[in-house]
C-alpha cells in the first residue's frame, strides 16, 4: 500500500482512491452525500488558474471542490 497524500496535492490527470476524510462538519456531510466515500476512485480533472477550485471526477460525474476542502481528504494514488 502506498502512502496517502492530500487530494489537493494530486497531480492533474492522476487517479486515486479515497482513504480518509473528516467525519464531522456540514461541508463534509455534503461531500459524503455526493458520493465522496472511503474506497471511491477519483480523478483530478483540472484546477482553476490560481489553483482553487479543483474539479474531480467520481462515480461518473464531475464535482468541484474548494482547495481548503480537498486538503482534508486523504487519498492513495492509484497505480
N, C-alpha and C. Protein backbone atom coordinates (compact mmCIF):
# COMPACT_ATOMS: atom_id res chain seq x y z
N UNK A 1 0.85 -1.18 0.00
CA UNK A 1 0.00 0.00 0.00
C UNK A 1 0.89 1.24 0.00
N UNK A 2 0.66 2.14 -0.92
CA UNK A 2 1.48 3.35 -1.00
C UNK A 2 1.00 4.38 0.01
N UNK A 3 1.80 5.40 0.19
CA UNK A 3 1.49 6.44 1.16
C UNK A 3 0.30 7.27 0.71
N UNK A 4 -0.40 7.81 1.68
CA UNK A 4 -1.52 8.69 1.35
C UNK A 4 -1.04 10.12 1.21
N UNK A 5 -1.74 10.87 0.37
CA UNK A 5 -1.48 12.29 0.18
C UNK A 5 -2.80 13.03 0.26
N UNK A 6 -2.73 14.33 0.35
CA UNK A 6 -3.95 15.14 0.33
C UNK A 6 -4.50 15.18 -1.09
N UNK A 7 -5.81 15.19 -1.21
CA UNK A 7 -6.44 15.30 -2.53
C UNK A 7 -5.96 16.56 -3.25
N UNK A 8 -5.72 17.62 -2.51
CA UNK A 8 -5.26 18.87 -3.12
C UNK A 8 -3.86 18.77 -3.71
N UNK A 9 -3.09 17.71 -3.34
CA UNK A 9 -1.73 17.52 -3.85
C UNK A 9 -1.67 16.57 -5.05
N UNK A 10 -2.80 15.99 -5.41
CA UNK A 10 -2.85 15.04 -6.53
C UNK A 10 -2.58 15.78 -7.84
N UNK A 11 -1.70 15.26 -8.70
CA UNK A 11 -1.43 15.92 -9.98
C UNK A 11 -2.65 15.84 -10.92
N UNK A 12 -2.80 16.84 -11.77
CA UNK A 12 -3.88 16.85 -12.75
C UNK A 12 -3.77 15.62 -13.64
N UNK A 13 -4.90 14.94 -13.82
CA UNK A 13 -4.95 13.75 -14.65
C UNK A 13 -4.71 12.46 -13.88
N UNK A 14 -4.25 12.56 -12.64
CA UNK A 14 -3.97 11.36 -11.84
C UNK A 14 -5.23 10.86 -11.15
N UNK A 15 -5.25 9.55 -10.91
CA UNK A 15 -6.36 8.93 -10.19
C UNK A 15 -5.89 8.48 -8.83
N UNK A 16 -6.84 8.37 -7.90
CA UNK A 16 -6.53 7.95 -6.54
C UNK A 16 -7.78 7.36 -5.91
N UNK A 17 -7.59 6.69 -4.79
CA UNK A 17 -8.70 6.12 -4.04
C UNK A 17 -8.78 6.84 -2.70
N UNK A 18 -9.99 7.28 -2.34
CA UNK A 18 -10.19 7.99 -1.06
C UNK A 18 -9.94 7.02 0.08
N UNK A 19 -9.09 7.42 1.02
CA UNK A 19 -8.77 6.58 2.18
C UNK A 19 -9.30 7.16 3.49
N UNK A 20 -9.37 8.47 3.60
CA UNK A 20 -9.80 9.07 4.87
C UNK A 20 -10.28 10.50 4.64
N UNK A 21 -11.26 10.91 5.41
CA UNK A 21 -11.75 12.28 5.38
C UNK A 21 -12.38 12.58 6.72
N UNK A 22 -12.51 13.85 7.08
CA UNK A 22 -13.11 14.19 8.37
C UNK A 22 -14.54 13.66 8.47
N UNK A 23 -14.92 13.26 9.64
CA UNK A 23 -16.25 12.68 9.86
C UNK A 23 -17.26 13.71 10.38
N UNK A 24 -16.82 14.94 10.57
CA UNK A 24 -17.73 15.96 11.10
C UNK A 24 -17.71 17.21 10.23
N UNK A 25 -18.69 18.06 10.43
CA UNK A 25 -18.78 19.32 9.70
C UNK A 25 -19.79 19.25 8.57
N UNK A 26 -20.49 20.34 8.36
CA UNK A 26 -21.54 20.37 7.35
C UNK A 26 -21.00 20.20 5.93
N UNK A 27 -19.82 20.74 5.66
CA UNK A 27 -19.24 20.60 4.32
C UNK A 27 -18.93 19.14 4.02
N UNK A 28 -18.50 18.40 5.01
CA UNK A 28 -18.12 17.02 4.77
C UNK A 28 -19.32 16.10 4.73
N UNK A 29 -20.39 16.47 5.41
CA UNK A 29 -21.65 15.74 5.27
C UNK A 29 -22.12 15.87 3.82
N UNK A 30 -22.03 17.07 3.28
CA UNK A 30 -22.43 17.33 1.90
C UNK A 30 -21.57 16.52 0.92
N UNK A 31 -20.28 16.45 1.15
CA UNK A 31 -19.39 15.69 0.27
C UNK A 31 -19.74 14.20 0.30
N UNK A 32 -20.02 13.67 1.47
CA UNK A 32 -20.41 12.26 1.57
C UNK A 32 -21.73 12.02 0.84
N UNK A 33 -22.66 12.95 0.95
CA UNK A 33 -23.95 12.81 0.26
C UNK A 33 -23.76 12.80 -1.26
N UNK A 34 -22.70 13.46 -1.75
CA UNK A 34 -22.43 13.49 -3.19
C UNK A 34 -21.56 12.33 -3.64
N UNK A 35 -21.26 11.38 -2.74
CA UNK A 35 -20.57 10.17 -3.13
C UNK A 35 -19.09 10.10 -2.84
N UNK A 36 -18.52 11.10 -2.17
CA UNK A 36 -17.10 11.07 -1.83
C UNK A 36 -16.93 10.25 -0.56
N UNK A 37 -16.82 8.93 -0.72
CA UNK A 37 -16.74 7.99 0.39
C UNK A 37 -15.41 7.25 0.37
N UNK A 38 -15.03 6.68 1.50
CA UNK A 38 -13.83 5.86 1.57
C UNK A 38 -13.93 4.72 0.55
N UNK A 39 -12.87 4.53 -0.23
CA UNK A 39 -12.85 3.50 -1.25
C UNK A 39 -13.27 3.98 -2.63
N UNK A 40 -13.75 5.21 -2.74
CA UNK A 40 -14.18 5.76 -4.02
C UNK A 40 -12.96 6.18 -4.84
N UNK A 41 -12.96 5.81 -6.11
CA UNK A 41 -11.87 6.22 -7.02
C UNK A 41 -12.22 7.59 -7.59
N UNK A 42 -11.24 8.50 -7.54
CA UNK A 42 -11.42 9.85 -8.07
C UNK A 42 -10.28 10.17 -9.03
N UNK A 43 -10.55 11.06 -9.97
CA UNK A 43 -9.54 11.55 -10.90
C UNK A 43 -9.57 13.07 -10.87
N UNK A 44 -8.41 13.69 -10.71
CA UNK A 44 -8.35 15.15 -10.74
C UNK A 44 -8.36 15.59 -12.20
N UNK A 45 -9.43 16.25 -12.60
CA UNK A 45 -9.61 16.67 -14.00
C UNK A 45 -8.84 17.96 -14.30
N UNK A 46 -9.02 18.96 -13.45
CA UNK A 46 -8.33 20.24 -13.67
C UNK A 46 -8.42 21.10 -12.41
N UNK A 47 -7.57 22.13 -12.40
CA UNK A 47 -7.62 23.13 -11.34
C UNK A 47 -7.82 24.48 -12.00
N UNK A 48 -8.38 25.40 -11.26
CA UNK A 48 -8.54 26.77 -11.77
C UNK A 48 -7.15 27.40 -11.91
N UNK A 49 -7.02 28.47 -12.68
CA UNK A 49 -5.71 29.08 -12.91
C UNK A 49 -4.92 29.41 -11.64
N UNK A 50 -5.59 29.81 -10.58
CA UNK A 50 -4.89 30.12 -9.33
C UNK A 50 -4.90 28.94 -8.36
N UNK A 51 -5.32 27.77 -8.83
CA UNK A 51 -5.28 26.57 -8.01
C UNK A 51 -6.50 26.29 -7.17
N UNK A 52 -7.50 27.13 -7.25
CA UNK A 52 -8.71 26.94 -6.44
C UNK A 52 -9.90 27.42 -7.25
N UNK A 53 -10.90 26.63 -7.50
CA UNK A 53 -11.20 25.29 -7.00
C UNK A 53 -10.59 24.18 -7.86
N UNK A 54 -10.84 22.94 -7.42
CA UNK A 54 -10.39 21.74 -8.12
C UNK A 54 -11.61 21.02 -8.69
N UNK A 55 -11.46 20.40 -9.84
CA UNK A 55 -12.54 19.61 -10.41
C UNK A 55 -12.12 18.15 -10.42
N UNK A 56 -12.92 17.30 -9.78
CA UNK A 56 -12.62 15.87 -9.75
C UNK A 56 -13.75 15.10 -10.41
N UNK A 57 -13.41 13.92 -10.91
CA UNK A 57 -14.42 13.03 -11.49
C UNK A 57 -14.56 11.84 -10.56
N UNK A 58 -15.78 11.53 -10.18
CA UNK A 58 -16.07 10.37 -9.35
C UNK A 58 -17.45 9.85 -9.67
N UNK A 59 -17.61 8.56 -9.64
CA UNK A 59 -18.90 7.90 -9.84
C UNK A 59 -19.64 8.39 -11.10
N UNK A 60 -18.88 8.73 -12.16
CA UNK A 60 -19.48 9.11 -13.43
C UNK A 60 -19.89 10.56 -13.57
N UNK A 61 -19.52 11.42 -12.62
CA UNK A 61 -19.83 12.84 -12.77
C UNK A 61 -18.68 13.68 -12.24
N UNK A 62 -18.68 14.96 -12.60
CA UNK A 62 -17.63 15.88 -12.15
C UNK A 62 -18.13 16.69 -10.97
N UNK A 63 -17.23 16.88 -10.00
CA UNK A 63 -17.54 17.60 -8.77
C UNK A 63 -16.46 18.65 -8.57
N UNK A 64 -16.84 19.86 -8.23
CA UNK A 64 -15.89 20.93 -7.97
C UNK A 64 -15.77 21.13 -6.47
N UNK A 65 -14.54 21.15 -5.98
CA UNK A 65 -14.26 21.32 -4.55
C UNK A 65 -13.36 22.52 -4.32
N UNK A 66 -13.54 23.16 -3.19
CA UNK A 66 -12.58 24.18 -2.78
C UNK A 66 -11.29 23.47 -2.39
N UNK A 67 -10.18 24.14 -2.59
CA UNK A 67 -8.90 23.56 -2.21
C UNK A 67 -8.86 23.30 -0.70
N UNK A 68 -9.47 24.18 0.08
CA UNK A 68 -9.49 24.01 1.54
C UNK A 68 -10.25 22.75 1.94
N UNK A 69 -11.25 22.34 1.17
CA UNK A 69 -11.97 21.09 1.43
C UNK A 69 -11.11 19.89 1.02
N UNK A 70 -10.46 20.01 -0.13
CA UNK A 70 -9.65 18.90 -0.66
C UNK A 70 -8.44 18.61 0.22
N UNK A 71 -7.97 19.59 0.98
CA UNK A 71 -6.82 19.39 1.85
C UNK A 71 -7.13 18.46 3.01
N UNK A 72 -8.40 18.26 3.32
CA UNK A 72 -8.80 17.40 4.44
C UNK A 72 -9.10 15.97 4.00
N UNK A 73 -9.06 15.72 2.69
CA UNK A 73 -9.36 14.39 2.15
C UNK A 73 -8.04 13.70 1.81
N UNK A 74 -7.78 12.54 2.42
CA UNK A 74 -6.55 11.79 2.15
C UNK A 74 -6.85 10.71 1.12
N UNK A 75 -5.97 10.62 0.11
CA UNK A 75 -6.17 9.64 -0.96
C UNK A 75 -4.89 8.84 -1.15
N UNK A 76 -5.05 7.67 -1.74
CA UNK A 76 -3.92 6.81 -2.09
C UNK A 76 -3.82 6.81 -3.61
N UNK A 77 -2.73 7.34 -4.17
CA UNK A 77 -2.60 7.37 -5.63
C UNK A 77 -2.75 5.96 -6.22
N UNK A 78 -3.49 5.87 -7.32
CA UNK A 78 -3.74 4.58 -7.99
C UNK A 78 -2.58 4.27 -8.92
N UNK A 79 -2.34 3.00 -9.08
CA UNK A 79 -1.25 2.56 -9.97
C UNK A 79 -1.66 2.62 -11.42
